């Protein structure tokens, strides 16, 4: 009887099992939805429209991340242009997406660098559902590296390609572009890997 009660309590206290595989159709739909949102605010006549929109969205999501249950595309939009992938991480993400494998948290947290200003949002979303955070980064990777990408990302890539051939500095958004270190590893003080367990 004691053993049964102990096992029952253990099951109650344990977190529910996390998904282990990406849903390719869901990722493509999220990418499409995020793309449409981003493009709708990418207006040359209003250069701050997208950044103002994403700033408002980040504030709302940080206050109530449960909104992502019905509007999961909002997170990749909020983080668009705000994260970086190293060359090593790009290869790893390409493999994860090719095989539809969701990385473990330990793998994920060293595969992406967030803007430090967004860490409170990242932590709030992770506390709510870390799979949504990982999924959003997968969508952002697709947006940044697919042939079809929002114009802001494309402009940043084009500008980078003209200035420098160091692929470690192939960032998504020119507003947050930093300089690579002399050893070829991209890093700047605005970005860091996730700084919690």
Protein backbone atom coordinates (compact mmCIF):
# COMPACT_ATOMS: atom_id res chain seq x y z
CA UNK A 1 0.00 0.00 0.00
CA UNK A 2 2.82 2.38 0.93
CA UNK A 3 4.57 1.61 -2.35
CA UNK A 4 1.43 2.37 -4.36
CA UNK A 5 0.93 5.69 -2.53
CA UNK A 6 4.59 6.63 -3.05
CA UNK A 7 4.39 5.93 -6.79
CA UNK A 8 1.15 7.90 -7.04
CA UNK A 9 2.68 10.94 -5.35
CA UNK A 10 5.73 10.65 -7.59
CA UNK A 11 3.55 10.76 -10.70
CA UNK A 12 1.67 13.81 -9.39
CA UNK A 13 4.88 15.73 -8.64
CA UNK A 14 6.61 14.91 -11.92
CA UNK A 15 6.16 17.21 -14.90
CA UNK A 16 4.15 15.80 -17.80
CA UNK A 17 6.34 14.22 -20.50
CA UNK A 18 7.57 16.70 -23.09
CA UNK A 19 7.02 16.15 -26.78
CA UNK A 20 9.97 14.50 -28.47
CA UNK A 21 9.13 15.21 -32.12
CA UNK A 22 8.34 18.34 -34.11
CA UNK A 23 5.11 18.41 -36.11
CA UNK A 24 6.31 19.53 -39.58
CA UNK A 25 2.84 20.64 -40.69
CA UNK A 26 2.37 22.71 -37.55
CA UNK A 27 5.81 24.32 -37.97
CA UNK A 28 5.05 25.26 -41.57
CA UNK A 29 1.68 26.72 -40.57
CA UNK A 30 3.26 28.71 -37.75
CA UNK A 31 5.95 29.93 -40.13
CA UNK A 32 3.31 31.03 -42.63
CA UNK A 33 1.25 32.81 -39.96
CA UNK A 34 4.29 34.51 -38.48
CA UNK A 35 5.49 35.52 -41.96
CA UNK A 36 2.17 37.20 -42.71
CA UNK A 37 2.23 39.10 -39.41
CA UNK A 38 5.80 40.27 -39.92
CA UNK A 39 5.25 41.32 -43.53
CA UNK A 40 2.11 43.26 -42.64
CA UNK A 41 4.20 45.50 -40.38
CA UNK A 42 7.25 45.75 -42.66
CA UNK A 43 6.39 49.11 -44.17
CA UNK A 44 9.24 51.29 -45.52
CA UNK A 45 7.07 54.35 -44.83
CA UNK A 46 6.81 53.34 -41.17
CA UNK A 47 10.22 51.84 -40.31
CA UNK A 48 9.38 51.51 -36.61
CA UNK A 49 6.03 49.78 -37.15
CA UNK A 50 7.39 46.24 -36.76
CA UNK A 51 9.57 46.98 -33.74
CA UNK A 52 6.71 48.83 -32.01
CA UNK A 53 4.36 45.94 -32.72
CA UNK A 54 6.75 43.29 -31.43
CA UNK A 55 7.54 45.37 -28.33
CA UNK A 56 3.84 45.51 -27.47
CA UNK A 57 3.48 41.80 -28.15
CA UNK A 58 6.42 40.94 -25.87
CA UNK A 59 4.88 42.90 -23.02
CA UNK A 60 1.53 41.14 -23.45
CA UNK A 61 3.04 37.66 -23.71
CA UNK A 62 5.32 38.16 -20.73
CA UNK A 63 2.29 39.15 -18.65
CA UNK A 64 0.16 36.25 -19.92
CA UNK A 65 2.07 33.50 -21.78
CA UNK A 66 -1.06 31.33 -21.70
CA UNK A 67 -2.19 33.33 -24.75
CA UNK A 68 0.22 31.21 -26.77
CA UNK A 69 -2.08 28.23 -26.42
CA UNK A 70 -4.44 29.77 -28.97
CA UNK A 71 -1.98 32.13 -30.69
CA UNK A 72 1.37 30.27 -30.82
CA UNK A 73 2.54 32.26 -33.84
CA UNK A 74 2.82 35.36 -31.65
CA UNK A 75 6.02 34.18 -29.99
CA UNK A 76 8.15 33.83 -33.16
CA UNK A 77 6.83 37.22 -34.24
CA UNK A 78 7.76 38.76 -30.88
CA UNK A 79 11.27 37.28 -31.06
CA UNK A 80 11.81 37.91 -34.76
CA UNK A 81 15.24 39.42 -35.37
CA UNK A 82 16.11 39.02 -31.70
CA UNK A 83 17.95 35.69 -31.66
CA UNK A 84 21.13 34.31 -33.21
CA UNK A 85 22.38 30.89 -34.20
CA UNK A 86 26.10 30.10 -34.43
CA UNK A 87 27.37 28.08 -37.39
CA UNK A 88 27.54 24.97 -35.22
CA UNK A 89 24.00 25.60 -33.99
CA UNK A 90 22.72 26.10 -37.54
CA UNK A 91 23.95 22.64 -38.49
CA UNK A 92 22.37 21.15 -35.39
CA UNK A 93 19.05 22.88 -35.98
CA UNK A 94 19.03 21.77 -39.61
CA UNK A 95 19.48 18.17 -38.42
CA UNK A 96 16.78 18.47 -35.75
CA UNK A 97 14.31 19.83 -38.27
CA UNK A 98 15.24 17.29 -40.92
CA UNK A 99 14.63 14.44 -38.48
CA UNK A 100 11.78 16.22 -36.63
CA UNK A 101 13.57 15.74 -33.31
CA UNK A 102 12.83 18.27 -30.56
CA UNK A 103 16.09 18.99 -28.72
CA UNK A 104 16.34 18.46 -24.98
CA UNK A 105 16.47 21.60 -22.85
CA UNK A 106 20.21 21.16 -22.27
CA UNK A 107 20.76 20.92 -26.03
CA UNK A 108 18.44 23.79 -26.81
CA UNK A 109 19.79 26.31 -24.31
CA UNK A 110 23.25 26.30 -25.88
CA UNK A 111 21.95 26.33 -29.47
CA UNK A 112 20.45 29.82 -29.51
CA UNK A 113 21.46 33.24 -28.19
CA UNK A 114 18.67 35.56 -27.09
CA UNK A 115 18.81 39.32 -26.79
CA UNK A 116 19.34 40.04 -23.09
CA UNK A 117 16.34 42.38 -23.06
CA UNK A 118 14.11 39.41 -23.91
CA UNK A 119 15.25 37.02 -21.18
CA UNK A 120 12.30 37.79 -18.90
CA UNK A 121 9.91 36.87 -21.71
CA UNK A 122 11.94 33.74 -22.47
CA UNK A 123 11.83 32.68 -18.84
CA UNK A 124 8.08 33.36 -18.58
CA UNK A 125 7.34 31.26 -21.64
CA UNK A 126 9.60 28.47 -20.49
CA UNK A 127 7.84 28.38 -17.13
CA UNK A 128 4.52 28.09 -18.96
CA UNK A 129 5.53 25.55 -21.62
CA UNK A 130 9.15 25.18 -22.74
CA UNK A 131 8.10 23.29 -25.86
CA UNK A 132 6.45 26.48 -27.13
CA UNK A 133 9.76 28.30 -26.73
CA UNK A 134 11.70 25.60 -28.57
CA UNK A 135 9.02 25.46 -31.26
CA UNK A 136 9.16 29.25 -31.73
CA UNK A 137 12.92 29.09 -32.25
CA UNK A 138 12.42 26.33 -34.80
CA UNK A 139 10.00 28.59 -36.66
CA UNK A 140 12.47 31.47 -36.49
CA UNK A 141 15.22 29.24 -37.85
CA UNK A 142 12.96 28.33 -40.78
CA UNK A 143 12.10 31.98 -41.39
CA UNK A 144 15.77 32.98 -41.31
CA UNK A 145 17.11 30.22 -43.51
CA UNK A 146 14.36 29.30 -45.96
CA UNK A 147 14.39 30.77 -49.44
CA UNK A 148 11.19 32.68 -48.65
CA UNK A 149 11.69 34.98 -45.71
CA UNK A 150 10.24 38.27 -44.48
CA UNK A 151 11.74 41.30 -46.18
CA UNK A 152 13.40 42.58 -42.98
CA UNK A 153 15.35 39.35 -42.63
CA UNK A 154 16.22 39.31 -46.32
CA UNK A 155 17.46 42.91 -46.24
CA UNK A 156 19.69 42.12 -43.27
CA UNK A 157 21.09 39.03 -44.97
CA UNK A 158 21.72 40.96 -48.20
CA UNK A 159 23.48 43.73 -46.30
CA UNK A 160 25.61 41.21 -44.47
CA UNK A 161 26.55 39.37 -47.68
CA UNK A 162 27.79 42.60 -49.20
CA UNK A 163 29.88 43.54 -46.18
CA UNK A 164 31.37 40.34 -44.86
CA UNK A 165 31.65 36.67 -45.83
CA UNK A 166 32.02 35.40 -42.25
CA UNK A 167 28.94 33.19 -41.90
CA UNK A 168 29.11 33.40 -38.11
CA UNK A 169 27.72 36.90 -38.54
CA UNK A 170 24.72 35.98 -40.69
CA UNK A 171 22.11 37.56 -38.39
CA UNK A 172 18.43 37.86 -39.10
CA UNK A 173 17.81 41.49 -38.30
CA UNK A 174 20.07 44.46 -38.89
CA UNK A 175 18.73 46.29 -35.82
CA UNK A 176 20.52 43.77 -33.59
CA UNK A 177 23.55 42.92 -35.70
CA UNK A 178 26.79 42.66 -33.71
CA UNK A 179 30.42 42.09 -34.63
CA UNK A 180 32.07 38.70 -34.58
CA UNK A 181 35.09 38.10 -32.40
CA UNK A 182 38.46 37.70 -34.05
CA UNK A 183 38.32 33.94 -33.51
CA UNK A 184 35.27 33.71 -35.74
CA UNK A 185 32.65 33.28 -33.01
CA UNK A 186 29.85 35.80 -33.18
CA UNK A 187 28.97 37.47 -29.92
CA UNK A 188 28.08 40.82 -28.53
CA UNK A 189 26.95 42.14 -25.19
CA UNK A 190 23.29 42.38 -26.25
CA UNK A 191 23.06 38.63 -26.68
CA UNK A 192 23.74 35.65 -24.52
CA UNK A 193 22.86 32.01 -24.12
CA UNK A 194 20.10 31.24 -21.67
CA UNK A 195 21.48 31.92 -18.24
CA UNK A 196 19.35 29.56 -16.18
CA UNK A 197 19.04 25.81 -15.75
